[in-house]
mmCIF file of all heavy atoms, coordinates in Angstrom:
data_MODEL
# 
_entry.id   MODEL 
# 
loop_
_atom_site.group_PDB 
_atom_site.id 
_atom_site.type_symbol 
_atom_site.label_atom_id 
_atom_site.label_alt_id 
_atom_site.label_comp_id 
_atom_site.label_asym_id 
_atom_site.label_entity_id 
_atom_site.label_seq_id 
_atom_site.pdbx_PDB_ins_code 
_atom_site.Cartn_x 
_atom_site.Cartn_y 
_atom_site.Cartn_z 
_atom_site.occupancy 
_atom_site.B_iso_or_equiv 
_atom_site.pdbx_formal_charge 
_atom_site.auth_seq_id 
_atom_site.auth_comp_id 
_atom_site.auth_asym_id 
_atom_site.auth_atom_id 
_atom_site.pdbx_PDB_model_num 
ATOM 1   N N   . GLU A 1 1  ? -22.325 -10.028 -12.749 1.00 0.00 ? 1  GLU A N   1 
ATOM 2   C CA  . GLU A 1 1  ? -22.140 -8.634  -13.155 1.00 0.00 ? 1  GLU A CA  1 
ATOM 3   C C   . GLU A 1 1  ? -22.115 -7.736  -11.918 1.00 0.00 ? 1  GLU A C   1 
ATOM 4   O O   . GLU A 1 1  ? -22.977 -7.836  -11.041 1.00 0.00 ? 1  GLU A O   1 
ATOM 5   C CB  . GLU A 1 1  ? -23.277 -8.204  -14.083 1.00 0.00 ? 1  GLU A CB  1 
ATOM 6   C CG  . GLU A 1 1  ? -23.089 -6.785  -14.619 1.00 0.00 ? 1  GLU A CG  1 
ATOM 7   C CD  . GLU A 1 1  ? -24.186 -6.400  -15.599 1.00 0.00 ? 1  GLU A CD  1 
ATOM 8   O OE1 . GLU A 1 1  ? -24.988 -7.286  -15.973 1.00 0.00 ? 1  GLU A OE1 1 
ATOM 9   O OE2 . GLU A 1 1  ? -24.243 -5.216  -15.959 1.00 0.00 ? 1  GLU A OE2 1 
ATOM 10  N N   . ILE A 1 2  ? -21.093 -6.865  -11.878 1.00 0.00 ? 2  ILE A N   1 
ATOM 11  C CA  . ILE A 1 2  ? -20.933 -5.981  -10.731 1.00 0.00 ? 2  ILE A CA  1 
ATOM 12  C C   . ILE A 1 2  ? -21.870 -4.787  -10.881 1.00 0.00 ? 2  ILE A C   1 
ATOM 13  O O   . ILE A 1 2  ? -21.934 -4.151  -11.936 1.00 0.00 ? 2  ILE A O   1 
ATOM 14  C CB  . ILE A 1 2  ? -19.475 -5.495  -10.603 1.00 0.00 ? 2  ILE A CB  1 
ATOM 15  C CG1 . ILE A 1 2  ? -18.521 -6.686  -10.559 1.00 0.00 ? 2  ILE A CG1 1 
ATOM 16  C CG2 . ILE A 1 2  ? -19.294 -4.640  -9.353  1.00 0.00 ? 2  ILE A CG2 1 
ATOM 17  C CD1 . ILE A 1 2  ? -18.731 -7.623  -9.406  1.00 0.00 ? 2  ILE A CD1 1 
ATOM 18  N N   . SER A 1 3  ? -22.586 -4.458  -9.823  1.00 0.00 ? 3  SER A N   1 
ATOM 19  C CA  . SER A 1 3  ? -23.540 -3.344  -9.862  1.00 0.00 ? 3  SER A CA  1 
ATOM 20  C C   . SER A 1 3  ? -22.822 -1.999  -9.885  1.00 0.00 ? 3  SER A C   1 
ATOM 21  O O   . SER A 1 3  ? -21.638 -1.891  -9.539  1.00 0.00 ? 3  SER A O   1 
ATOM 22  C CB  . SER A 1 3  ? -24.460 -3.399  -8.628  1.00 0.00 ? 3  SER A CB  1 
ATOM 23  O OG  . SER A 1 3  ? -23.696 -3.188  -7.442  1.00 0.00 ? 3  SER A OG  1 
ATOM 24  N N   . THR A 1 4  ? -23.561 -0.972  -10.311 1.00 0.00 ? 4  THR A N   1 
ATOM 25  C CA  . THR A 1 4  ? -23.003 0.391   -10.365 1.00 0.00 ? 4  THR A CA  1 
ATOM 26  C C   . THR A 1 4  ? -22.534 0.847   -8.995  1.00 0.00 ? 4  THR A C   1 
ATOM 27  O O   . THR A 1 4  ? -21.450 1.407   -8.847  1.00 0.00 ? 4  THR A O   1 
ATOM 28  C CB  . THR A 1 4  ? -24.069 1.373   -10.899 1.00 0.00 ? 4  THR A CB  1 
ATOM 29  O OG1 . THR A 1 4  ? -24.423 1.012   -12.226 1.00 0.00 ? 4  THR A OG1 1 
ATOM 30  C CG2 . THR A 1 4  ? -23.525 2.805   -10.882 1.00 0.00 ? 4  THR A CG2 1 
ATOM 31  N N   . GLU A 1 5  ? -23.356 0.598   -7.971  1.00 0.00 ? 5  GLU A N   1 
ATOM 32  C CA  . GLU A 1 5  ? -22.987 1.067   -6.636  1.00 0.00 ? 5  GLU A CA  1 
ATOM 33  C C   . GLU A 1 5  ? -21.725 0.382   -6.112  1.00 0.00 ? 5  GLU A C   1 
ATOM 34  O O   . GLU A 1 5  ? -20.907 0.988   -5.418  1.00 0.00 ? 5  GLU A O   1 
ATOM 35  C CB  . GLU A 1 5  ? -24.137 0.901   -5.642  1.00 0.00 ? 5  GLU A CB  1 
ATOM 36  C CG  . GLU A 1 5  ? -24.640 -0.524  -5.432  1.00 0.00 ? 5  GLU A CG  1 
ATOM 37  C CD  . GLU A 1 5  ? -25.779 -0.902  -6.369  1.00 0.00 ? 5  GLU A CD  1 
ATOM 38  O OE1 . GLU A 1 5  ? -25.874 -0.303  -7.464  1.00 0.00 ? 5  GLU A OE1 1 
ATOM 39  O OE2 . GLU A 1 5  ? -26.568 -1.792  -5.986  1.00 0.00 ? 5  GLU A OE2 1 
ATOM 40  N N   . ALA A 1 6  ? -21.544 -0.903  -6.457  1.00 0.00 ? 6  ALA A N   1 
ATOM 41  C CA  . ALA A 1 6  ? -20.338 -1.612  -6.030  1.00 0.00 ? 6  ALA A CA  1 
ATOM 42  C C   . ALA A 1 6  ? -19.101 -1.045  -6.724  1.00 0.00 ? 6  ALA A C   1 
ATOM 43  O O   . ALA A 1 6  ? -18.053 -0.865  -6.101  1.00 0.00 ? 6  ALA A O   1 
ATOM 44  C CB  . ALA A 1 6  ? -20.473 -3.105  -6.320  1.00 0.00 ? 6  ALA A CB  1 
ATOM 45  N N   . LYS A 1 7  ? -19.231 -0.757  -8.018  1.00 0.00 ? 7  LYS A N   1 
ATOM 46  C CA  . LYS A 1 7  ? -18.108 -0.188  -8.775  1.00 0.00 ? 7  LYS A CA  1 
ATOM 47  C C   . LYS A 1 7  ? -17.733 1.190   -8.230  1.00 0.00 ? 7  LYS A C   1 
ATOM 48  O O   . LYS A 1 7  ? -16.540 1.508   -8.065  1.00 0.00 ? 7  LYS A O   1 
ATOM 49  C CB  . LYS A 1 7  ? -18.474 -0.083  -10.260 1.00 0.00 ? 7  LYS A CB  1 
ATOM 50  C CG  . LYS A 1 7  ? -18.615 -1.409  -10.978 1.00 0.00 ? 7  LYS A CG  1 
ATOM 51  C CD  . LYS A 1 7  ? -19.047 -1.196  -12.422 1.00 0.00 ? 7  LYS A CD  1 
ATOM 52  C CE  . LYS A 1 7  ? -19.239 -2.516  -13.150 1.00 0.00 ? 7  LYS A CE  1 
ATOM 53  N NZ  . LYS A 1 7  ? -19.741 -2.308  -14.545 1.00 0.00 ? 7  LYS A NZ  1 
ATOM 54  N N   . ARG A 1 8  ? -18.742 1.989   -7.952  1.00 0.00 ? 8  ARG A N   1 
ATOM 55  C CA  . ARG A 1 8  ? -18.468 3.351   -7.485  1.00 0.00 ? 8  ARG A CA  1 
ATOM 56  C C   . ARG A 1 8  ? -17.989 3.349   -6.037  1.00 0.00 ? 8  ARG A C   1 
ATOM 57  O O   . ARG A 1 8  ? -17.191 4.205   -5.642  1.00 0.00 ? 8  ARG A O   1 
ATOM 58  C CB  . ARG A 1 8  ? -19.705 4.224   -7.680  1.00 0.00 ? 8  ARG A CB  1 
ATOM 59  C CG  . ARG A 1 8  ? -20.008 4.442   -9.155  1.00 0.00 ? 8  ARG A CG  1 
ATOM 60  C CD  . ARG A 1 8  ? -21.017 5.521   -9.415  1.00 0.00 ? 8  ARG A CD  1 
ATOM 61  N NE  . ARG A 1 8  ? -21.061 5.843   -10.840 1.00 0.00 ? 8  ARG A NE  1 
ATOM 62  C CZ  . ARG A 1 8  ? -21.837 6.754   -11.395 1.00 0.00 ? 8  ARG A CZ  1 
ATOM 63  N NH1 . ARG A 1 8  ? -22.665 7.462   -10.624 1.00 0.00 ? 8  ARG A NH1 1 
ATOM 64  N NH2 . ARG A 1 8  ? -21.801 6.981   -12.686 1.00 0.00 ? 8  ARG A NH2 1 
ATOM 65  N N   . PHE A 1 9  ? -18.459 2.406   -5.264  1.00 0.00 ? 9  PHE A N   1 
ATOM 66  C CA  . PHE A 1 9  ? -17.958 2.244   -3.901  1.00 0.00 ? 9  PHE A CA  1 
ATOM 67  C C   . PHE A 1 9  ? -16.462 1.957   -3.938  1.00 0.00 ? 9  PHE A C   1 
ATOM 68  O O   . PHE A 1 9  ? -15.679 2.558   -3.191  1.00 0.00 ? 9  PHE A O   1 
ATOM 69  C CB  . PHE A 1 9  ? -18.710 1.098   -3.220  1.00 0.00 ? 9  PHE A CB  1 
ATOM 70  C CG  . PHE A 1 9  ? -18.259 0.800   -1.818  1.00 0.00 ? 9  PHE A CG  1 
ATOM 71  C CD1 . PHE A 1 9  ? -18.786 1.496   -0.747  1.00 0.00 ? 9  PHE A CD1 1 
ATOM 72  C CD2 . PHE A 1 9  ? -17.305 -0.175  -1.580  1.00 0.00 ? 9  PHE A CD2 1 
ATOM 73  C CE1 . PHE A 1 9  ? -18.374 1.229   0.550   1.00 0.00 ? 9  PHE A CE1 1 
ATOM 74  C CE2 . PHE A 1 9  ? -16.881 -0.452  -0.287  1.00 0.00 ? 9  PHE A CE2 1 
ATOM 75  C CZ  . PHE A 1 9  ? -17.424 0.245   0.779   1.00 0.00 ? 9  PHE A CZ  1 
ATOM 76  N N   . LYS A 1 10 ? -16.057 1.065   -4.812  1.00 0.00 ? 10 LYS A N   1 
ATOM 77  C CA  . LYS A 1 10 ? -14.637 0.737   -4.969  1.00 0.00 ? 10 LYS A CA  1 
ATOM 78  C C   . LYS A 1 10 ? -13.854 1.950   -5.458  1.00 0.00 ? 10 LYS A C   1 
ATOM 79  O O   . LYS A 1 10 ? -12.729 2.211   -5.006  1.00 0.00 ? 10 LYS A O   1 
ATOM 80  C CB  . LYS A 1 10 ? -14.467 -0.426  -5.948  1.00 0.00 ? 10 LYS A CB  1 
ATOM 81  C CG  . LYS A 1 10 ? -13.023 -0.845  -6.154  1.00 0.00 ? 10 LYS A CG  1 
ATOM 82  C CD  . LYS A 1 10 ? -12.917 -2.009  -7.128  1.00 0.00 ? 10 LYS A CD  1 
ATOM 83  C CE  . LYS A 1 10 ? -11.469 -2.423  -7.341  1.00 0.00 ? 10 LYS A CE  1 
ATOM 84  N NZ  . LYS A 1 10 ? -11.369 -3.550  -8.308  1.00 0.00 ? 10 LYS A NZ  1 
ATOM 85  N N   . GLN A 1 11 ? -14.449 2.714   -6.360  1.00 0.00 ? 11 GLN A N   1 
ATOM 86  C CA  . GLN A 1 11 ? -13.797 3.918   -6.887  1.00 0.00 ? 11 GLN A CA  1 
ATOM 87  C C   . GLN A 1 11 ? -13.518 4.923   -5.779  1.00 0.00 ? 11 GLN A C   1 
ATOM 88  O O   . GLN A 1 11 ? -12.439 5.521   -5.717  1.00 0.00 ? 11 GLN A O   1 
ATOM 89  C CB  . GLN A 1 11 ? -14.675 4.561   -7.965  1.00 0.00 ? 11 GLN A CB  1 
ATOM 90  C CG  . GLN A 1 11 ? -14.088 5.843   -8.561  1.00 0.00 ? 11 GLN A CG  1 
ATOM 91  C CD  . GLN A 1 11 ? -15.049 6.500   -9.526  1.00 0.00 ? 11 GLN A CD  1 
ATOM 92  O OE1 . GLN A 1 11 ? -15.877 5.844   -10.166 1.00 0.00 ? 11 GLN A OE1 1 
ATOM 93  N NE2 . GLN A 1 11 ? -14.956 7.818   -9.629  1.00 0.00 ? 11 GLN A NE2 1 
ATOM 94  N N   . VAL A 1 12 ? -14.487 5.102   -4.868  1.00 0.00 ? 12 VAL A N   1 
ATOM 95  C CA  . VAL A 1 12 ? -14.306 6.030   -3.745  1.00 0.00 ? 12 VAL A CA  1 
ATOM 96  C C   . VAL A 1 12 ? -13.139 5.573   -2.878  1.00 0.00 ? 12 VAL A C   1 
ATOM 97  O O   . VAL A 1 12 ? -12.277 6.376   -2.483  1.00 0.00 ? 12 VAL A O   1 
ATOM 98  C CB  . VAL A 1 12 ? -15.594 6.124   -2.895  1.00 0.00 ? 12 VAL A CB  1 
ATOM 99  C CG1 . VAL A 1 12 ? -15.333 6.931   -1.628  1.00 0.00 ? 12 VAL A CG1 1 
ATOM 100 C CG2 . VAL A 1 12 ? -16.720 6.756   -3.707  1.00 0.00 ? 12 VAL A CG2 1 
ATOM 101 N N   . ARG A 1 13 ? -13.121 4.280   -2.593  1.00 0.00 ? 13 ARG A N   1 
ATOM 102 C CA  . ARG A 1 13 ? -12.031 3.746   -1.753  1.00 0.00 ? 13 ARG A CA  1 
ATOM 103 C C   . ARG A 1 13 ? -10.669 3.974   -2.401  1.00 0.00 ? 13 ARG A C   1 
ATOM 104 O O   . ARG A 1 13 ? -9.712  4.443   -1.735  1.00 0.00 ? 13 ARG A O   1 
ATOM 105 C CB  . ARG A 1 13 ? -12.231 2.242   -1.498  1.00 0.00 ? 13 ARG A CB  1 
ATOM 106 C CG  . ARG A 1 13 ? -11.075 1.614   -0.719  1.00 0.00 ? 13 ARG A CG  1 
ATOM 107 C CD  . ARG A 1 13 ? -11.254 0.122   -0.545  1.00 0.00 ? 13 ARG A CD  1 
ATOM 108 N NE  . ARG A 1 13 ? -11.193 -0.626  -1.781  1.00 0.00 ? 13 ARG A NE  1 
ATOM 109 C CZ  . ARG A 1 13 ? -10.056 -0.944  -2.415  1.00 0.00 ? 13 ARG A CZ  1 
ATOM 110 N NH1 . ARG A 1 13 ? -8.900  -0.548  -1.939  1.00 0.00 ? 13 ARG A NH1 1 
ATOM 111 N NH2 . ARG A 1 13 ? -10.104 -1.660  -3.533  1.00 0.00 ? 13 ARG A NH2 1 
ATOM 112 N N   . GLU A 1 14 ? -10.558 3.694   -3.686  1.00 0.00 ? 14 GLU A N   1 
ATOM 113 C CA  . GLU A 1 14 ? -9.280  3.857   -4.383  1.00 0.00 ? 14 GLU A CA  1 
ATOM 114 C C   . GLU A 1 14 ? -8.878  5.325   -4.485  1.00 0.00 ? 14 GLU A C   1 
ATOM 115 O O   . GLU A 1 14 ? -7.687  5.658   -4.370  1.00 0.00 ? 14 GLU A O   1 
ATOM 116 C CB  . GLU A 1 14 ? -9.359  3.213   -5.773  1.00 0.00 ? 14 GLU A CB  1 
ATOM 117 C CG  . GLU A 1 14 ? -9.473  1.701   -5.724  1.00 0.00 ? 14 GLU A CG  1 
ATOM 118 C CD  . GLU A 1 14 ? -9.633  1.074   -7.106  1.00 0.00 ? 14 GLU A CD  1 
ATOM 119 O OE1 . GLU A 1 14 ? -10.049 1.789   -8.050  1.00 0.00 ? 14 GLU A OE1 1 
ATOM 120 O OE2 . GLU A 1 14 ? -9.343  -0.132  -7.229  1.00 0.00 ? 14 GLU A OE2 1 
ATOM 121 N N   . ASP A 1 15 ? -9.865  6.199   -4.699  1.00 0.00 ? 15 ASP A N   1 
ATOM 122 C CA  . ASP A 1 15 ? -9.562  7.634   -4.760  1.00 0.00 ? 15 ASP A CA  1 
ATOM 123 C C   . ASP A 1 15 ? -9.015  8.144   -3.429  1.00 0.00 ? 15 ASP A C   1 
ATOM 124 O O   . ASP A 1 15 ? -8.191  9.064   -3.397  1.00 0.00 ? 15 ASP A O   1 
ATOM 125 C CB  . ASP A 1 15 ? -10.814 8.440   -5.136  1.00 0.00 ? 15 ASP A CB  1 
ATOM 126 C CG  . ASP A 1 15 ? -11.209 8.251   -6.592  1.00 0.00 ? 15 ASP A CG  1 
ATOM 127 O OD1 . ASP A 1 15 ? -10.380 7.731   -7.357  1.00 0.00 ? 15 ASP A OD1 1 
ATOM 128 O OD2 . ASP A 1 15 ? -12.345 8.608   -6.950  1.00 0.00 ? 15 ASP A OD2 1 
ATOM 129 N N   . LEU A 1 16 ? -9.475  7.542   -2.333  1.00 0.00 ? 16 LEU A N   1 
ATOM 130 C CA  . LEU A 1 16 ? -9.023  7.940   -1.003  1.00 0.00 ? 16 LEU A CA  1 
ATOM 131 C C   . LEU A 1 16 ? -7.705  7.276   -0.615  1.00 0.00 ? 16 LEU A C   1 
ATOM 132 O O   . LEU A 1 16 ? -7.108  7.620   0.402   1.00 0.00 ? 16 LEU A O   1 
ATOM 133 C CB  . LEU A 1 16 ? -10.085 7.599   0.042   1.00 0.00 ? 16 LEU A CB  1 
ATOM 134 C CG  . LEU A 1 16 ? -11.379 8.421   -0.030  1.00 0.00 ? 16 LEU A CG  1 
ATOM 135 C CD1 . LEU A 1 16 ? -12.447 7.796   0.867   1.00 0.00 ? 16 LEU A CD1 1 
ATOM 136 C CD2 . LEU A 1 16 ? -11.128 9.864   0.382   1.00 0.00 ? 16 LEU A CD2 1 
ATOM 137 N N   . GLY A 1 17 ? -7.268  6.304   -1.432  1.00 0.00 ? 17 GLY A N   1 
ATOM 138 C CA  . GLY A 1 17 ? -6.009  5.620   -1.154  1.00 0.00 ? 17 GLY A CA  1 
ATOM 139 C C   . GLY A 1 17 ? -6.082  4.663   0.028   1.00 0.00 ? 17 GLY A C   1 
ATOM 140 O O   . GLY A 1 17 ? -5.074  4.451   0.719   1.00 0.00 ? 17 GLY A O   1 
ATOM 141 N N   . LYS A 1 18 ? -7.259  4.075   0.275   1.00 0.00 ? 18 LYS A N   1 
ATOM 142 C CA  . LYS A 1 18 ? -7.444  3.187   1.410   1.00 0.00 ? 18 LYS A CA  1 
ATOM 143 C C   . LYS A 1 18 ? -7.444  1.721   0.965   1.00 0.00 ? 18 LYS A C   1 
ATOM 144 O O   . LYS A 1 18 ? -7.889  1.396   -0.136  1.00 0.00 ? 18 LYS A O   1 
ATOM 145 C CB  . LYS A 1 18 ? -8.767  3.487   2.131   1.00 0.00 ? 18 LYS A CB  1 
ATOM 146 C CG  . LYS A 1 18 ? -8.889  4.917   2.660   1.00 0.00 ? 18 LYS A CG  1 
ATOM 147 C CD  . LYS A 1 18 ? -7.865  5.187   3.740   1.00 0.00 ? 18 LYS A CD  1 
ATOM 148 C CE  . LYS A 1 18 ? -8.013  6.587   4.280   1.00 0.00 ? 18 LYS A CE  1 
ATOM 149 N NZ  . LYS A 1 18 ? -6.948  6.899   5.286   1.00 0.00 ? 18 LYS A NZ  1 
ATOM 150 N N   . THR A 1 19 ? -6.949  0.851   1.842   1.00 0.00 ? 19 THR A N   1 
ATOM 151 C CA  . THR A 1 19 ? -7.077  -0.577  1.596   1.00 0.00 ? 19 THR A CA  1 
ATOM 152 C C   . THR A 1 19 ? -8.504  -0.999  1.932   1.00 0.00 ? 19 THR A C   1 
ATOM 153 O O   . THR A 1 19 ? -9.263  -0.246  2.554   1.00 0.00 ? 19 THR A O   1 
ATOM 154 C CB  . THR A 1 19 ? -6.095  -1.381  2.467   1.00 0.00 ? 19 THR A CB  1 
ATOM 155 O OG1 . THR A 1 19 ? -6.452  -1.211  3.854   1.00 0.00 ? 19 THR A OG1 1 
ATOM 156 C CG2 . THR A 1 19 ? -4.656  -0.903  2.254   1.00 0.00 ? 19 THR A CG2 1 
ATOM 157 N N   . GLN A 1 20 ? -8.862  -2.215  1.546   1.00 0.00 ? 20 GLN A N   1 
ATOM 158 C CA  . GLN A 1 20 ? -10.214 -2.693  1.831   1.00 0.00 ? 20 GLN A CA  1 
ATOM 159 C C   . GLN A 1 20 ? -10.479 -2.785  3.332   1.00 0.00 ? 20 GLN A C   1 
ATOM 160 O O   . GLN A 1 20 ? -11.575 -2.466  3.802   1.00 0.00 ? 20 GLN A O   1 
ATOM 161 C CB  . GLN A 1 20 ? -10.431 -4.053  1.163   1.00 0.00 ? 20 GLN A CB  1 
ATOM 162 C CG  . GLN A 1 20 ? -10.488 -3.960  -0.356  1.00 0.00 ? 20 GLN A CG  1 
ATOM 163 C CD  . GLN A 1 20 ? -10.616 -5.324  -1.015  1.00 0.00 ? 20 GLN A CD  1 
ATOM 164 O OE1 . GLN A 1 20 ? -10.126 -6.321  -0.506  1.00 0.00 ? 20 GLN A OE1 1 
ATOM 165 N NE2 . GLN A 1 20 ? -11.265 -5.357  -2.170  1.00 0.00 ? 20 GLN A NE2 1 
ATOM 166 N N   . SER A 1 21 ? -9.477  -3.174  4.093   1.00 0.00 ? 21 SER A N   1 
ATOM 167 C CA  . SER A 1 21 ? -9.658  -3.278  5.540   1.00 0.00 ? 21 SER A CA  1 
ATOM 168 C C   . SER A 1 21 ? -9.713  -1.890  6.197   1.00 0.00 ? 21 SER A C   1 
ATOM 169 O O   . SER A 1 21 ? -10.505 -1.667  7.120   1.00 0.00 ? 21 SER A O   1 
ATOM 170 C CB  . SER A 1 21 ? -8.533  -4.115  6.163   1.00 0.00 ? 21 SER A CB  1 
ATOM 171 O OG  . SER A 1 21 ? -7.263  -3.551  5.878   1.00 0.00 ? 21 SER A OG  1 
ATOM 172 N N   . GLU A 1 22 ? -8.887  -0.958  5.724   1.00 0.00 ? 22 GLU A N   1 
ATOM 173 C CA  . GLU A 1 22 ? -8.904  0.406   6.262   1.00 0.00 ? 22 GLU A CA  1 
ATOM 174 C C   . GLU A 1 22 ? -10.244 1.083   5.993   1.00 0.00 ? 22 GLU A C   1 
ATOM 175 O O   . GLU A 1 22 ? -10.793 1.766   6.864   1.00 0.00 ? 22 GLU A O   1 
ATOM 176 C CB  . GLU A 1 22 ? -7.771  1.235   5.647   1.00 0.00 ? 22 GLU A CB  1 
ATOM 177 C CG  . GLU A 1 22 ? -6.381  0.848   6.113   1.00 0.00 ? 22 GLU A CG  1 
ATOM 178 C CD  . GLU A 1 22 ? -5.288  1.555   5.326   1.00 0.00 ? 22 GLU A CD  1 
ATOM 179 O OE1 . GLU A 1 22 ? -5.579  2.030   4.197   1.00 0.00 ? 22 GLU A OE1 1 
ATOM 180 O OE2 . GLU A 1 22 ? -4.151  1.600   5.814   1.00 0.00 ? 22 GLU A OE2 1 
ATOM 181 N N   . PHE A 1 23 ? -10.759 0.892   4.775   1.00 0.00 ? 23 PHE A N   1 
ATOM 182 C CA  . PHE A 1 23 ? -12.033 1.517   4.403   1.00 0.00 ? 23 PHE A CA  1 
ATOM 183 C C   . PHE A 1 23 ? -13.179 0.922   5.214   1.00 0.00 ? 23 PHE A C   1 
ATOM 184 O O   . PHE A 1 23 ? -14.079 1.638   5.669   1.00 0.00 ? 23 PHE A O   1 
ATOM 185 C CB  . PHE A 1 23 ? -12.266 1.329   2.908   1.00 0.00 ? 23 PHE A CB  1 
ATOM 186 C CG  . PHE A 1 23 ? -13.199 2.333   2.300   1.00 0.00 ? 23 PHE A CG  1 
ATOM 187 C CD1 . PHE A 1 23 ? -13.172 3.661   2.702   1.00 0.00 ? 23 PHE A CD1 1 
ATOM 188 C CD2 . PHE A 1 23 ? -14.092 1.972   1.300   1.00 0.00 ? 23 PHE A CD2 1 
ATOM 189 C CE1 . PHE A 1 23 ? -14.022 4.605   2.132   1.00 0.00 ? 23 PHE A CE1 1 
ATOM 190 C CE2 . PHE A 1 23 ? -14.939 2.906   0.714   1.00 0.00 ? 23 PHE A CE2 1 
ATOM 191 C CZ  . PHE A 1 23 ? -14.905 4.219   1.140   1.00 0.00 ? 23 PHE A CZ  1 
ATOM 192 N N   . ALA A 1 24 ? -13.122 -0.379  5.428   1.00 0.00 ? 24 ALA A N   1 
ATOM 193 C CA  . ALA A 1 24 ? -14.157 -1.047  6.216   1.00 0.00 ? 24 ALA A CA  1 
ATOM 194 C C   . ALA A 1 24 ? -14.174 -0.528  7.649   1.00 0.00 ? 24 ALA A C   1 
ATOM 195 O O   . ALA A 1 24 ? -15.237 -0.319  8.241   1.00 0.00 ? 24 ALA A O   1 
ATOM 196 C CB  . ALA A 1 24 ? -13.920 -2.559  6.201   1.00 0.00 ? 24 ALA A CB  1 
ATOM 197 N N   . GLU A 1 25 ? -12.990 -0.295  8.205   1.00 0.00 ? 25 GLU A N   1 
ATOM 198 C CA  . GLU A 1 25 ? -12.907 0.218   9.573   1.00 0.00 ? 25 GLU A CA  1 
ATOM 199 C C   . GLU A 1 25 ? -13.488 1.629   9.660   1.00 0.00 ? 25 GLU A C   1 
ATOM 200 O O   . GLU A 1 25 ? -14.204 1.952   10.611  1.00 0.00 ? 25 GLU A O   1 
ATOM 201 C CB  . GLU A 1 25 ? -11.452 0.226   10.037  1.00 0.00 ? 25 GLU A CB  1 
ATOM 202 C CG  . GLU A 1 25 ? -11.275 0.661   11.479  1.00 0.00 ? 25 GLU A CG  1 
ATOM 203 C CD  . GLU A 1 25 ? -9.835  0.592   11.943  1.00 0.00 ? 25 GLU A CD  1 
ATOM 204 O OE1 . GLU A 1 25 ? -8.979  0.121   11.162  1.00 0.00 ? 25 GLU A OE1 1 
ATOM 205 O OE2 . GLU A 1 25 ? -9.567  1.019   13.083  1.00 0.00 ? 25 GLU A OE2 1 
ATOM 206 N N   . LEU A 1 26 ? -13.179 2.476   8.663   1.00 0.00 ? 26 LEU A N   1 
ATOM 207 C CA  . LEU A 1 26 ? -13.715 3.835   8.652   1.00 0.00 ? 26 LEU A CA  1 
ATOM 208 C C   . LEU A 1 26 ? -15.238 3.842   8.607   1.00 0.00 ? 26 LEU A C   1 
ATOM 209 O O   . LEU A 1 26 ? -15.891 4.661   9.251   1.00 0.00 ? 26 LEU A O   1 
ATOM 210 C CB  . LEU A 1 26 ? -13.167 4.606   7.445   1.00 0.00 ? 26 LEU A CB  1 
ATOM 211 C CG  . LEU A 1 26 ? -11.762 5.184   7.545   1.00 0.00 ? 26 LEU A CG  1 
ATOM 212 C CD1 . LEU A 1 26 ? -11.357 5.786   6.209   1.00 0.00 ? 26 LEU A CD1 1 
ATOM 213 C CD2 . LEU A 1 26 ? -11.684 6.231   8.635   1.00 0.00 ? 26 LEU A CD2 1 
ATOM 214 N N   . LEU A 1 27 ? -15.800 2.928   7.833   1.00 0.00 ? 27 LEU A N   1 
ATOM 215 C CA  . LEU A 1 27 ? -17.245 2.895   7.612   1.00 0.00 ? 27 LEU A CA  1 
ATOM 216 C C   . LEU A 1 27 ? -17.970 1.967   8.587   1.00 0.00 ? 27 LEU A C   1 
ATOM 217 O O   . LEU A 1 27 ? -19.200 1.840   8.499   1.00 0.00 ? 27 LEU A O   1 
ATOM 218 C CB  . LEU A 1 27 ? -17.540 2.456   6.169   1.00 0.00 ? 27 LEU A CB  1 
ATOM 219 C CG  . LEU A 1 27 ? -16.952 3.334   5.065   1.00 0.00 ? 27 LEU A CG  1 
ATOM 220 C CD1 . LEU A 1 27 ? -17.214 2.701   3.689   1.00 0.00 ? 27 LEU A CD1 1 
ATOM 221 C CD2 . LEU A 1 27 ? -17.529 4.734   5.112   1.00 0.00 ? 27 LEU A CD2 1 
# 
């Protein structure tokens, strides 16, 4: 089961239009 923070973390990334690698680099 995916945790709330993981789901919302993904939501932030998608709202910003970033790929997983781009978001990782920013953070």
